[in-house]
PDB file of N, CA and C in Angstrom:
ATOM      1  N   UNK A   1     -20.975   4.842  -2.513  1.00  0.00           N
ATOM      2  CA  UNK A   1     -19.915   3.848  -2.514  1.00  0.00           C
ATOM      3  C   UNK A   1     -18.609   4.487  -2.057  1.00  0.00           C
ATOM      4  N   UNK A   2     -17.750   3.694  -1.490  1.00  0.00           N
ATOM      5  CA  UNK A   2     -16.455   4.150  -0.977  1.00  0.00           C
ATOM      6  C   UNK A   2     -15.491   4.474  -2.121  1.00  0.00           C
ATOM      7  N   UNK A   3     -14.349   5.029  -1.759  1.00  0.00           N
ATOM      8  CA  UNK A   3     -13.252   5.279  -2.688  1.00  0.00           C
ATOM      9  C   UNK A   3     -12.086   4.414  -2.227  1.00  0.00           C
ATOM     10  N   UNK A   4     -11.287   3.897  -3.155  1.00  0.00           N
ATOM     11  CA  UNK A   4     -10.225   2.958  -2.813  1.00  0.00           C
ATOM     12  C   UNK A   4      -8.887   3.408  -3.375  1.00  0.00           C
ATOM     13  N   UNK A   5      -7.855   3.395  -2.523  1.00  0.00           N
ATOM     14  CA  UNK A   5      -6.479   3.543  -2.973  1.00  0.00           C
ATOM     15  C   UNK A   5      -5.871   2.151  -2.981  1.00  0.00           C
ATOM     16  N   UNK A   6      -5.239   1.759  -4.078  1.00  0.00           N
ATOM     17  CA  UNK A   6      -4.613   0.446  -4.169  1.00  0.00           C
ATOM     18  C   UNK A   6      -3.113   0.570  -4.366  1.00  0.00           C
ATOM     19  N   UNK A   7      -2.375  -0.421  -3.839  1.00  0.00           N
ATOM     20  CA  UNK A   7      -0.921  -0.404  -3.884  1.00  0.00           C
ATOM     21  C   UNK A   7      -0.368  -1.791  -4.194  1.00  0.00           C
ATOM     22  N   UNK A   8       0.706  -1.833  -4.940  1.00  0.00           N
ATOM     23  CA  UNK A   8       1.451  -3.055  -5.215  1.00  0.00           C
ATOM     24  C   UNK A   8       2.916  -2.689  -4.989  1.00  0.00           C
ATOM     25  N   UNK A   9       3.584  -3.421  -4.063  1.00  0.00           N
ATOM     26  CA  UNK A   9       4.924  -3.028  -3.620  1.00  0.00           C
ATOM     27  C   UNK A   9       5.865  -4.233  -3.581  1.00  0.00           C
ATOM     28  N   UNK A  10       7.078  -4.114  -4.147  1.00  0.00           N
ATOM     29  CA  UNK A  10       8.081  -5.169  -3.994  1.00  0.00           C
ATOM     30  C   UNK A  10       8.872  -4.894  -2.708  1.00  0.00           C
ATOM     31  N   UNK A  11       8.902  -5.877  -1.809  1.00  0.00           N
ATOM     32  CA  UNK A  11       9.587  -5.698  -0.527  1.00  0.00           C
ATOM     33  C   UNK A  11      10.687  -6.753  -0.385  1.00  0.00           C
ATOM     34  N   UNK A  12      11.911  -6.338  -0.089  1.00  0.00           N
ATOM     35  CA  UNK A  12      12.972  -7.323   0.158  1.00  0.00           C
ATOM     36  C   UNK A  12      12.551  -8.238   1.315  1.00  0.00           C
ATOM     37  N   UNK A  13      12.748  -9.535   1.139  1.00  0.00           N
ATOM     38  CA  UNK A  13      12.342 -10.490   2.174  1.00  0.00           C
ATOM     39  C   UNK A  13      13.010 -10.203   3.516  1.00  0.00           C
ATOM     40  N   UNK A  14      14.241  -9.718   3.476  1.00  0.00           N
ATOM     41  CA  UNK A  14      14.929  -9.435   4.738  1.00  0.00           C
ATOM     42  C   UNK A  14      14.468  -8.121   5.379  1.00  0.00           C
ATOM     43  N   UNK A  15      13.579  -7.392   4.693  1.00  0.00           N
ATOM     44  CA  UNK A  15      13.016  -6.160   5.256  1.00  0.00           C
ATOM     45  C   UNK A  15      11.513  -6.284   5.502  1.00  0.00           C
ATOM     46  N   UNK A  16      10.994  -7.506   5.387  1.00  0.00           N
ATOM     47  CA  UNK A  16       9.556  -7.712   5.551  1.00  0.00           C
ATOM     48  C   UNK A  16       9.082  -7.310   6.947  1.00  0.00           C
ATOM     49  N   UNK A  17       9.838  -7.631   7.985  1.00  0.00           N
ATOM     50  CA  UNK A  17       9.441  -7.238   9.337  1.00  0.00           C
ATOM     51  C   UNK A  17       9.408  -5.720   9.480  1.00  0.00           C
ATOM     52  N   UNK A  18      10.371  -5.034   8.900  1.00  0.00           N
ATOM     53  CA  UNK A  18      10.387  -3.568   8.941  1.00  0.00           C
ATOM     54  C   UNK A  18       9.189  -3.005   8.176  1.00  0.00           C
ATOM     55  N   UNK A  19       8.853  -3.644   7.049  1.00  0.00           N
ATOM     56  CA  UNK A  19       7.690  -3.201   6.287  1.00  0.00           C
ATOM     57  C   UNK A  19       6.416  -3.386   7.112  1.00  0.00           C
ATOM     58  N   UNK A  20       6.293  -4.534   7.760  1.00  0.00           N
ATOM     59  CA  UNK A  20       5.102  -4.789   8.585  1.00  0.00           C
ATOM     60  C   UNK A  20       4.983  -3.777   9.715  1.00  0.00           C
ATOM     61  N   UNK A  21       6.096  -3.414  10.304  1.00  0.00           N
ATOM     62  CA  UNK A  21       6.102  -2.402  11.365  1.00  0.00           C
ATOM     63  C   UNK A  21       5.610  -1.065  10.805  1.00  0.00           C
ATOM     64  N   UNK A  22       6.125  -0.694   9.630  1.00  0.00           N
ATOM     65  CA  UNK A  22       5.693   0.535   8.982  1.00  0.00           C
ATOM     66  C   UNK A  22       4.194   0.476   8.654  1.00  0.00           C
ATOM     67  N   UNK A  23       3.739  -0.667   8.154  1.00  0.00           N
ATOM     68  CA  UNK A  23       2.332  -0.832   7.794  1.00  0.00           C
ATOM     69  C   UNK A  23       1.417  -0.716   9.012  1.00  0.00           C
ATOM     70  N   UNK A  24       1.839  -1.276  10.137  1.00  0.00           N
ATOM     71  CA  UNK A  24       1.024  -1.168  11.354  1.00  0.00           C
ATOM     72  C   UNK A  24       0.866   0.288  11.778  1.00  0.00           C
ATOM     73  N   UNK A  25       1.959   1.037  11.713  1.00  0.00           N
ATOM     74  CA  UNK A  25       1.888   2.456  12.041  1.00  0.00           C
ATOM     75  C   UNK A  25       1.030   3.183  11.009  1.00  0.00           C
ATOM     76  N   UNK A  26       1.222   2.861   9.743  1.00  0.00           N
ATOM     77  CA  UNK A  26       0.416   3.483   8.693  1.00  0.00           C
ATOM     78  C   UNK A  26      -1.064   3.238   8.900  1.00  0.00           C
ATOM     79  N   UNK A  27      -1.423   2.008   9.241  1.00  0.00           N
ATOM     80  CA  UNK A  27      -2.829   1.686   9.493  1.00  0.00           C
ATOM     81  C   UNK A  27      -3.377   2.536  10.629  1.00  0.00           C
ATOM     82  N   UNK A  28      -2.603   2.643  11.684  1.00  0.00           N
ATOM     83  CA  UNK A  28      -3.024   3.443  12.836  1.00  0.00           C
ATOM     84  C   UNK A  28      -3.258   4.898  12.435  1.00  0.00           C
ATOM     85  N   UNK A  29      -2.327   5.460  11.679  1.00  0.00           N
ATOM     86  CA  UNK A  29      -2.419   6.867  11.279  1.00  0.00           C
ATOM     87  C   UNK A  29      -3.587   7.079  10.312  1.00  0.00           C
ATOM     88  N   UNK A  30      -3.690   6.261   9.263  1.00  0.00           N
ATOM     89  CA  UNK A  30      -4.782   6.419   8.292  1.00  0.00           C
ATOM     90  C   UNK A  30      -6.150   6.288   8.972  1.00  0.00           C
ATOM     91  N   UNK A  31      -6.283   5.289   9.833  1.00  0.00           N
ATOM     92  CA  UNK A  31      -7.566   5.092  10.516  1.00  0.00           C
ATOM     93  C   UNK A  31      -7.872   6.256  11.458  1.00  0.00           C
ATOM     94  N   UNK A  32      -6.864   6.760  12.124  1.00  0.00           N
ATOM     95  CA  UNK A  32      -7.045   7.902  13.030  1.00  0.00           C
ATOM     96  C   UNK A  32      -7.601   9.110  12.272  1.00  0.00           C
ATOM     97  N   UNK A  33      -7.150   9.307  11.031  1.00  0.00           N
ATOM     98  CA  UNK A  33      -7.590  10.451  10.244  1.00  0.00           C
ATOM     99  C   UNK A  33      -8.889  10.193   9.472  1.00  0.00           C
ATOM    100  N   UNK A  34      -9.436   8.978   9.557  1.00  0.00           N
ATOM    101  CA  UNK A  34     -10.753   8.748   8.977  1.00  0.00           C
ATOM    102  C   UNK A  34     -10.888   7.704   7.896  1.00  0.00           C
ATOM    103  N   UNK A  35      -9.814   6.978   7.561  1.00  0.00           N
ATOM    104  CA  UNK A  35      -9.964   5.896   6.586  1.00  0.00           C
ATOM    105  C   UNK A  35     -10.967   4.881   7.121  1.00  0.00           C
ATOM    106  N   UNK A  36     -11.701   4.245   6.231  1.00  0.00           N
ATOM    107  CA  UNK A  36     -12.692   3.245   6.645  1.00  0.00           C
ATOM    108  C   UNK A  36     -12.064   1.877   6.887  1.00  0.00           C
ATOM    109  N   UNK A  37     -11.036   1.553   6.106  1.00  0.00           N
ATOM    110  CA  UNK A  37     -10.323   0.285   6.294  1.00  0.00           C
ATOM    111  C   UNK A  37      -8.922   0.414   5.715  1.00  0.00           C
ATOM    112  N   UNK A  38      -8.051  -0.476   6.180  1.00  0.00           N
ATOM    113  CA  UNK A  38      -6.649  -0.481   5.754  1.00  0.00           C
ATOM    114  C   UNK A  38      -6.218  -1.939   5.733  1.00  0.00           C
ATOM    115  N   UNK A  39      -5.826  -2.451   4.562  1.00  0.00           N
ATOM    116  CA  UNK A  39      -5.503  -3.868   4.414  1.00  0.00           C
ATOM    117  C   UNK A  39      -4.137  -4.031   3.755  1.00  0.00           C
ATOM    118  N   UNK A  40      -3.296  -4.899   4.321  1.00  0.00           N
ATOM    119  CA  UNK A  40      -1.981  -5.233   3.756  1.00  0.00           C
ATOM    120  C   UNK A  40      -1.926  -6.751   3.584  1.00  0.00           C
ATOM    121  N   UNK A  41      -1.496  -7.217   2.418  1.00  0.00           N
ATOM    122  CA  UNK A  41      -1.444  -8.655   2.128  1.00  0.00           C
ATOM    123  C   UNK A  41      -0.078  -9.036   1.556  1.00  0.00           C
ATOM    124  N   UNK A  42       0.466 -10.155   2.032  1.00  0.00           N
ATOM    125  CA  UNK A  42       1.726 -10.702   1.518  1.00  0.00           C
ATOM    126  C   UNK A  42       1.388 -11.732   0.442  1.00  0.00           C
ATOM    127  N   UNK A  43       2.087 -11.670  -0.678  1.00  0.00           N
ATOM    128  CA  UNK A  43       1.845 -12.615  -1.766  1.00  0.00           C
ATOM    129  C   UNK A  43       1.953 -14.054  -1.273  1.00  0.00           C
ATOM    130  N   UNK A  44       1.001 -14.862  -1.678  1.00  0.00           N
ATOM    131  CA  UNK A  44       0.966 -16.262  -1.271  1.00  0.00           C
ATOM    132  C   UNK A  44       0.814 -17.180  -2.486  1.00  0.00           C
ATOM    133  N   UNK A  45       0.038 -16.750  -3.466  1.00  0.00           N
ATOM    134  CA  UNK A  45      -0.199 -17.546  -4.659  1.00  0.00           C
ATOM    135  C   UNK A  45      -0.217 -16.605  -5.864  1.00  0.00           C
ATOM    136  N   UNK A  46       0.965 -16.097  -6.217  1.00  0.00           N
ATOM    137  CA  UNK A  46       1.082 -15.132  -7.317  1.00  0.00           C
ATOM    138  C   UNK A  46       2.186 -15.581  -8.276  1.00  0.00           C
ATOM    139  N   UNK A  47       1.862 -16.498  -9.175  1.00  0.00           N
ATOM    140  CA  UNK A  47       2.882 -16.998 -10.104  1.00  0.00           C
ATOM    141  C   UNK A  47       3.423 -15.903 -11.013  1.00  0.00           C
ATOM    142  N   UNK A  48       4.660 -16.096 -11.413  1.00  0.00           N
ATOM    143  CA  UNK A  48       5.323 -15.188 -12.349  1.00  0.00           C
ATOM    144  C   UNK A  48       4.794 -15.502 -13.739  1.00  0.00           C
ATOM    145  N   UNK A  49       3.975 -14.614 -14.280  1.00  0.00           N
ATOM    146  CA  UNK A  49       3.337 -14.860 -15.571  1.00  0.00           C
ATOM    147  C   UNK A  49       4.267 -14.718 -16.752  1.00  0.00           C
ATOM    148  N   UNK A  50       3.873 -15.336 -17.850  1.00  0.00           N
ATOM    149  CA  UNK A  50       4.678 -15.249 -19.073  1.00  0.00           C
ATOM    150  C   UNK A  50       4.596 -13.869 -19.705  1.00  0.00           C
ATOM    151  N   UNK A  51       3.447 -13.213 -19.574  1.00  0.00           N
ATOM    152  CA  UNK A  51       3.264 -11.900 -20.177  1.00  0.00           C
ATOM    153  C   UNK A  51       3.115 -10.823 -19.104  1.00  0.00           C
ATOM    154  N   UNK A  52       2.255 -11.077 -18.139  1.00  0.00           N
ATOM    155  CA  UNK A  52       2.044 -10.109 -17.075  1.00  0.00           C
ATOM    156  C   UNK A  52       1.638 -10.828 -15.792  1.00  0.00           C
ATOM    157  N   UNK A  53       1.887 -10.193 -14.666  1.00  0.00           N
ATOM    158  CA  UNK A  53       1.545 -10.759 -13.362  1.00  0.00           C
ATOM    159  C   UNK A  53       1.877  -9.725 -12.297  1.00  0.00           C
ATOM    160  N   UNK A  54       1.467  -9.989 -11.069  1.00  0.00           N
ATOM    161  CA  UNK A  54       1.835  -9.093  -9.976  1.00  0.00           C
ATOM    162  C   UNK A  54       3.361  -8.985  -9.849  1.00  0.00           C
ATOM    163  N   UNK A  55       4.097 -10.104  -9.836  1.00  0.00           N
ATOM    164  CA  UNK A  55       5.559  -9.987  -9.737  1.00  0.00           C
ATOM    165  C   UNK A  55       6.175  -9.195 -10.893  1.00  0.00           C
ATOM    166  N   UNK A  56       5.704  -9.439 -12.108  1.00  0.00           N
ATOM    167  CA  UNK A  56       6.244  -8.710 -13.257  1.00  0.00           C
ATOM    168  C   UNK A  56       5.931  -7.217 -13.164  1.00  0.00           C
ATOM    169  N   UNK A  57       4.755  -6.896 -12.678  1.00  0.00           N
ATOM    170  CA  UNK A  57       4.326  -5.499 -12.618  1.00  0.00           C
ATOM    171  C   UNK A  57       5.291  -4.637 -11.810  1.00  0.00           C
ATOM    172  N   UNK A  58       5.845  -5.198 -10.732  1.00  0.00           N
ATOM    173  CA  UNK A  58       6.767  -4.430  -9.886  1.00  0.00           C
ATOM    174  C   UNK A  58       8.215  -4.875 -10.057  1.00  0.00           C
ATOM    175  N   UNK A  59       8.465  -5.670 -11.095  1.00  0.00           N
ATOM    176  CA  UNK A  59       9.816  -6.158 -11.396  1.00  0.00           C
ATOM    177  C   UNK A  59      10.456  -6.803 -10.164  1.00  0.00           C
ATOM    178  N   UNK A  60       9.701  -7.708  -9.529  1.00  0.00           N
ATOM    179  CA  UNK A  60      10.170  -8.348  -8.298  1.00  0.00           C
ATOM    180  C   UNK A  60      11.461  -9.132  -8.558  1.00  0.00           C
ATOM    181  N   UNK A  61      12.369  -9.041  -7.597  1.00  0.00           N
ATOM    182  CA  UNK A  61      13.643  -9.764  -7.670  1.00  0.00           C
ATOM    183  C   UNK A  61      13.533 -11.042  -6.850  1.00  0.00           C
ATOM    184  N   UNK A  62      14.505 -11.946  -7.015  1.00  0.00           N
ATOM    185  CA  UNK A  62      14.472 -13.229  -6.315  1.00  0.00           C
ATOM    186  C   UNK A  62      14.412 -13.094  -4.797  1.00  0.00           C
ATOM    187  N   UNK A  63      14.982 -12.032  -4.271  1.00  0.00           N
ATOM    188  CA  UNK A  63      15.024 -11.854  -2.814  1.00  0.00           C
ATOM    189  C   UNK A  63      13.910 -10.930  -2.306  1.00  0.00           C
ATOM    190  N   UNK A  64      12.863 -10.755  -3.127  1.00  0.00           N
ATOM    191  CA  UNK A  64      11.752  -9.882  -2.754  1.00  0.00           C
ATOM    192  C   UNK A  64      10.425 -10.630  -2.763  1.00  0.00           C
ATOM    193  N   UNK A  65       9.443 -10.015  -2.132  1.00  0.00           N
ATOM    194  CA  UNK A  65       8.085 -10.542  -2.112  1.00  0.00           C
ATOM    195  C   UNK A  65       7.141  -9.396  -2.457  1.00  0.00           C
ATOM    196  N   UNK A  66       5.995  -9.735  -3.033  1.00  0.00           N
ATOM    197  CA  UNK A  66       5.028  -8.723  -3.427  1.00  0.00           C
ATOM    198  C   UNK A  66       4.019  -8.483  -2.303  1.00  0.00           C
ATOM    199  N   UNK A  67       3.750  -7.204  -2.046  1.00  0.00           N
ATOM    200  CA  UNK A  67       2.725  -6.804  -1.096  1.00  0.00           C
ATOM    201  C   UNK A  67       1.598  -6.135  -1.890  1.00  0.00           C
ATOM    202  N   UNK A  68       0.378  -6.528  -1.601  1.00  0.00           N
ATOM    203  CA  UNK A  68      -0.810  -5.936  -2.223  1.00  0.00           C
ATOM    204  C   UNK A  68      -1.619  -5.318  -1.097  1.00  0.00           C
ATOM    205  N   UNK A  69      -1.964  -4.044  -1.232  1.00  0.00           N
ATOM    206  CA  UNK A  69      -2.697  -3.395  -0.145  1.00  0.00           C
ATOM    207  C   UNK A  69      -3.711  -2.396  -0.688  1.00  0.00           C
ATOM    208  N   UNK A  70      -4.650  -2.058   0.187  1.00  0.00           N
ATOM    209  CA  UNK A  70      -5.633  -1.049  -0.189  1.00  0.00           C
ATOM    210  C   UNK A  70      -6.180  -0.359   1.053  1.00  0.00           C
ATOM    211  N   UNK A  71      -6.624   0.859   0.832  1.00  0.00           N
ATOM    212  CA  UNK A  71      -7.226   1.677   1.879  1.00  0.00           C
ATOM    213  C   UNK A  71      -8.552   2.171   1.330  1.00  0.00           C
ATOM    214  N   UNK A  72      -9.607   2.124   2.145  1.00  0.00           N
ATOM    215  CA  UNK A  72     -10.898   2.628   1.689  1.00  0.00           C
ATOM    216  C   UNK A  72     -11.280   3.894   2.455  1.00  0.00           C
ATOM    217  N   UNK A  73     -12.031   4.721   1.760  1.00  0.00           N
ATOM    218  CA  UNK A  73     -12.472   6.013   2.290  1.00  0.00           C
ATOM    219  C   UNK A  73     -13.952   6.194   1.953  1.00  0.00           C
ATOM    220  N   UNK A  74     -14.573   7.149   2.611  1.00  0.00           N
ATOM    221  CA  UNK A  74     -15.986   7.449   2.351  1.00  0.00           C
ATOM    222  C   UNK A  74     -16.180   7.858   0.888  1.00  0.00           C
ATOM    223  N   UNK A  75     -15.278   8.721   0.382  1.00  0.00           N
ATOM    224  CA  UNK A  75     -15.363   9.218  -0.987  1.00  0.00           C
ATOM    225  C   UNK A  75     -14.019   9.833  -1.378  1.00  0.00           C
ATOM    226  N   UNK A  76     -13.914  10.298  -2.600  1.00  0.00           N
ATOM    227  CA  UNK A  76     -12.652  10.864  -3.103  1.00  0.00           C
ATOM    228  C   UNK A  76     -12.235  12.099  -2.306  1.00  0.00           C
ATOM    229  N   UNK A  77     -13.180  12.963  -1.971  1.00  0.00           N
ATOM    230  CA  UNK A  77     -12.857  14.171  -1.208  1.00  0.00           C
ATOM    231  C   UNK A  77     -12.290  13.802   0.158  1.00  0.00           C
ATOM    232  N   UNK A  78     -12.873  12.808   0.799  1.00  0.00           N
ATOM    233  CA  UNK A  78     -12.361  12.353   2.101  1.00  0.00           C
ATOM    234  C   UNK A  78     -10.960  11.797   1.947  1.00  0.00           C
ATOM    235  N   UNK A  79     -10.736  11.034   0.889  1.00  0.00           N
ATOM    236  CA  UNK A  79      -9.402  10.476   0.626  1.00  0.00           C
ATOM    237  C   UNK A  79      -8.365  11.567   0.480  1.00  0.00           C
ATOM    238  N   UNK A  80      -8.683  12.585  -0.294  1.00  0.00           N
ATOM    239  CA  UNK A  80      -7.737  13.675  -0.511  1.00  0.00           C
ATOM    240  C   UNK A  80      -7.423  14.400   0.799  1.00  0.00           C
ATOM    241  N   UNK A  81      -8.445  14.637   1.597  1.00  0.00           N
ATOM    242  CA  UNK A  81      -8.277  15.314   2.884  1.00  0.00           C
ATOM    243  C   UNK A  81      -7.457  14.459   3.860  1.00  0.00           C
ATOM    244  N   UNK A  82      -7.779  13.178   3.938  1.00  0.00           N
ATOM    245  CA  UNK A  82      -7.078  12.260   4.843  1.00  0.00           C
ATOM    246  C   UNK A  82      -5.618  12.107   4.422  1.00  0.00           C
ATOM    247  N   UNK A  83      -5.369  11.918   3.129  1.00  0.00           N
ATOM    248  CA  UNK A  83      -3.994  11.733   2.666  1.00  0.00           C
ATOM    249  C   UNK A  83      -3.133  12.973   2.906  1.00  0.00           C
ATOM    250  N   UNK A  84      -3.709  14.156   2.809  1.00  0.00           N
ATOM    251  CA  UNK A  84      -2.956  15.379   3.101  1.00  0.00           C
ATOM    252  C   UNK A  84      -2.509  15.382   4.564  1.00  0.00           C
ATOM    253  N   UNK A  85      -3.390  14.965   5.452  1.00  0.00           N
ATOM    254  CA  UNK A  85      -3.052  14.904   6.880  1.00  0.00           C
ATOM    255  C   UNK A  85      -2.012  13.823   7.145  1.00  0.00           C
ATOM    256  N   UNK A  86      -2.167  12.670   6.510  1.00  0.00           N
ATOM    257  CA  UNK A  86      -1.222  11.563   6.696  1.00  0.00           C
ATOM    258  C   UNK A  86       0.179  11.973   6.237  1.00  0.00           C
ATOM    259  N   UNK A  87       0.274  12.592   5.079  1.00  0.00           N
ATOM    260  CA  UNK A  87       1.581  12.981   4.542  1.00  0.00           C
ATOM    261  C   UNK A  87       2.282  14.020   5.421  1.00  0.00           C
ATOM    262  N   UNK A  88       1.518  14.777   6.190  1.00  0.00           N
ATOM    263  CA  UNK A  88       2.099  15.785   7.078  1.00  0.00           C
ATOM    264  C   UNK A  88       2.354  15.247   8.486  1.00  0.00           C
ATOM    265  N   UNK A  89       1.937  14.012   8.764  1.00  0.00           N
ATOM    266  CA  UNK A  89       2.049  13.450  10.109  1.00  0.00           C
ATOM    267  C   UNK A  89       3.511  13.125  10.441  1.00  0.00           C
ATOM    268  N   UNK A  90       3.972  13.632  11.555  1.00  0.00           N
ATOM    269  CA  UNK A  90       5.365  13.448  11.984  1.00  0.00           C
ATOM    270  C   UNK A  90       5.722  11.990  12.257  1.00  0.00           C
ATOM    271  N   UNK A  91       4.751  11.185  12.643  1.00  0.00           N
ATOM    272  CA  UNK A  91       5.033   9.778  12.971  1.00  0.00           C
ATOM    273  C   UNK A  91       5.535   8.997  11.763  1.00  0.00           C
ATOM    274  N   UNK A  92       5.192   9.424  10.573  1.00  0.00           N
ATOM    275  CA  UNK A  92       5.595   8.695   9.370  1.00  0.00           C
ATOM    276  C   UNK A  92       6.832   9.272   8.679  1.00  0.00           C
ATOM    277  N   UNK A  93       7.327  10.400   9.149  1.00  0.00           N
ATOM    278  CA  UNK A  93       8.463  11.071   8.499  1.00  0.00           C
ATOM    279  C   UNK A  93       9.697  10.176   8.384  1.00  0.00           C
ATOM    280  N   UNK A  94      10.011   9.430   9.432  1.00  0.00           N
ATOM    281  CA  UNK A  94      11.205   8.567   9.396  1.00  0.00           C
ATOM    282  C   UNK A  94      11.078   7.505   8.304  1.00  0.00           C
ATOM    283  N   UNK A  95       9.883   6.947   8.135  1.00  0.00           N
ATOM    284  CA  UNK A  95       9.682   5.926   7.102  1.00  0.00           C
ATOM    285  C   UNK A  95       9.722   6.529   5.702  1.00  0.00           C
ATOM    286  N   UNK A  96       9.234   7.748   5.573  1.00  0.00           N
ATOM    287  CA  UNK A  96       9.244   8.405   4.269  1.00  0.00           C
ATOM    288  C   UNK A  96      10.684   8.630   3.801  1.00  0.00           C
ATOM    289  N   UNK A  97      11.577   8.909   4.731  1.00  0.00           N
ATOM    290  CA  UNK A  97      12.979   9.176   4.401  1.00  0.00           C
ATOM    291  C   UNK A  97      13.753   7.888   4.103  1.00  0.00           C
ATOM    292  N   UNK A  98      13.334   6.767   4.703  1.00  0.00           N
ATOM    293  CA  UNK A  98      14.068   5.505   4.555  1.00  0.00           C
ATOM    294  C   UNK A  98      13.089   4.334   4.487  1.00  0.00           C
ATOM    295  N   UNK A  99      12.378   4.234   3.359  1.00  0.00           N
ATOM    296  CA  UNK A  99      11.364   3.186   3.208  1.00  0.00           C
ATOM    297  C   UNK A  99      12.023   1.805   3.085  1.00  0.00           C
ATOM    298  N   UNK A 100      11.385   0.773   3.670  1.00  0.00           N
ATOM    299  CA  UNK A 100      11.944  -0.587   3.585  1.00  0.00           C
ATOM    300  C   UNK A 100      11.578  -1.295   2.275  1.00  0.00           C
ATOM    301  N   UNK A 101      11.482  -0.542   1.190  1.00  0.00           N
ATOM    302  CA  UNK A 101      11.194  -1.091  -0.138  1.00  0.00           C
ATOM    303  C   UNK A 101      11.595  -0.057  -1.173  1.00  0.00           C
ATOM    304  N   UNK A 102      11.623  -0.470  -2.435  1.00  0.00           N
ATOM    305  CA  UNK A 102      11.985   0.429  -3.528  1.00  0.00           C
ATOM    306  C   UNK A 102      10.729   1.158  -3.996  1.00  0.00           C
ATOM    307  N   UNK A 103      10.565   2.393  -3.554  1.00  0.00           N
ATOM    308  CA  UNK A 103       9.383   3.174  -3.885  1.00  0.00           C
ATOM    309  C   UNK A 103       9.233   3.473  -5.368  1.00  0.00           C
ATOM    310  N   UNK A 104      10.318   3.391  -6.120  1.00  0.00           N
ATOM    311  CA  UNK A 104      10.253   3.660  -7.560  1.00  0.00           C
ATOM    312  C   UNK A 104       9.492   2.562  -8.295  1.00  0.00           C
ATOM    313  N   UNK A 105       9.424   1.367  -7.692  1.00  0.00           N
ATOM    314  CA  UNK A 105       8.713   0.261  -8.341  1.00  0.00           C
ATOM    315  C   UNK A 105       7.328   0.026  -7.745  1.00  0.00           C
ATOM    316  N   UNK A 106       6.926   0.865  -6.815  1.00  0.00           N
ATOM    317  CA  UNK A 106       5.589   0.761  -6.238  1.00  0.00           C
ATOM    318  C   UNK A 106       4.563   1.231  -7.272  1.00  0.00           C
ATOM    319  N   UNK A 107       3.453   0.502  -7.362  1.00  0.00           N
ATOM    320  CA  UNK A 107       2.353   0.903  -8.227  1.00  0.00           C
ATOM    321  C   UNK A 107       1.215   1.316  -7.304  1.00  0.00           C
ATOM    322  N   UNK A 108       0.598   2.449  -7.601  1.00  0.00           N
ATOM    323  CA  UNK A 108      -0.498   2.900  -6.748  1.00  0.00           C
ATOM    324  C   UNK A 108      -1.485   3.725  -7.560  1.00  0.00           C
ATOM    325  N   UNK A 109      -2.684   3.841  -7.046  1.00  0.00           N
ATOM    326  CA  UNK A 109      -3.681   4.660  -7.707  1.00  0.00           C
ATOM    327  C   UNK A 109      -4.992   4.651  -6.959  1.00  0.00           C
ATOM    328  N   UNK A 110      -5.849   5.608  -7.293  1.00  0.00           N
ATOM    329  CA  UNK A 110      -7.162   5.708  -6.682  1.00  0.00           C
ATOM    330  C   UNK A 110      -8.219   5.144  -7.613  1.00  0.00           C
ATOM    331  N   UNK A 111      -9.199   4.488  -7.013  1.00  0.00           N
ATOM    332  CA  UNK A 111     -10.225   3.803  -7.799  1.00  0.00           C
ATOM    333  C   UNK A 111     -11.620   4.115  -7.270  1.00  0.00           C
ATOM    334  N   UNK A 112     -12.538   4.316  -8.206  1.00  0.00           N
ATOM    335  CA  UNK A 112     -13.942   4.540  -7.880  1.00  0.00           C
ATOM    336  C   UNK A 112     -14.690   3.226  -8.103  1.00  0.00           C
ATOM    337  N   UNK A 113     -15.157   2.577  -7.037  1.00  0.00           N
ATOM    338  CA  UNK A 113     -15.886   1.314  -7.210  1.00  0.00           C
ATOM    339  C   UNK A 113     -17.166   1.519  -8.041  1.00  0.00           C
ATOM    340  N   UNK A 114     -17.502   0.514  -8.821  1.00  0.00           N
ATOM    341  CA  UNK A 114     -18.764   0.554  -9.554  1.00  0.00           C
ATOM    342  C   UNK A 114     -19.671  -0.598  -9.162  1.00  0.00           C
ATOM    343  N   UNK A 115     -19.130  -1.569  -8.387  1.00  0.00           N
ATOM    344  CA  UNK A 115     -19.929  -2.695  -7.922  1.00  0.00           C
ATOM    345  C   UNK A 115     -19.432  -3.084  -6.546  1.00  0.00           C
ATOM    346  N   UNK A 116     -20.338  -3.226  -5.621  1.00  0.00           N
ATOM    347  CA  UNK A 116     -19.973  -3.586  -4.264  1.00  0.00           C
ATOM    348  C   UNK A 116     -21.111  -4.405  -3.676  1.00  0.00           C
ATOM    349  N   UNK A 117     -20.812  -5.598  -3.179  1.00  0.00           N
ATOM    350  CA  UNK A 117     -21.855  -6.458  -2.587  1.00  0.00           C
ATOM    351  C   UNK A 117     -21.516  -6.807  -1.175  1.00  0.00           C
TER     352      UNK A 117
END
């Protein structure tokens, strides 16, 4: 089974185009280094829950939108190897220095699938 990195990001609505540009480059770079898939999704039906929700998780503000994304890899070792190459890639350095979102509120993590159909 594959390995999955998941992300939840609050993006200012006025920076959504810049985020999409960054995501397109990110997809190109991750896939070039061996990721199996790269998916970015804009929130469409994510109500603000009373106790918990996607918007609450990243403390989304009125002028922001939630992005949910994931990258798949062959396995954890491949993920670690690919991410090391991605983080060193010069094409992404400008975005790392000036991200079009608040990275402090980004939620991310690696997941080992247990069911896949």
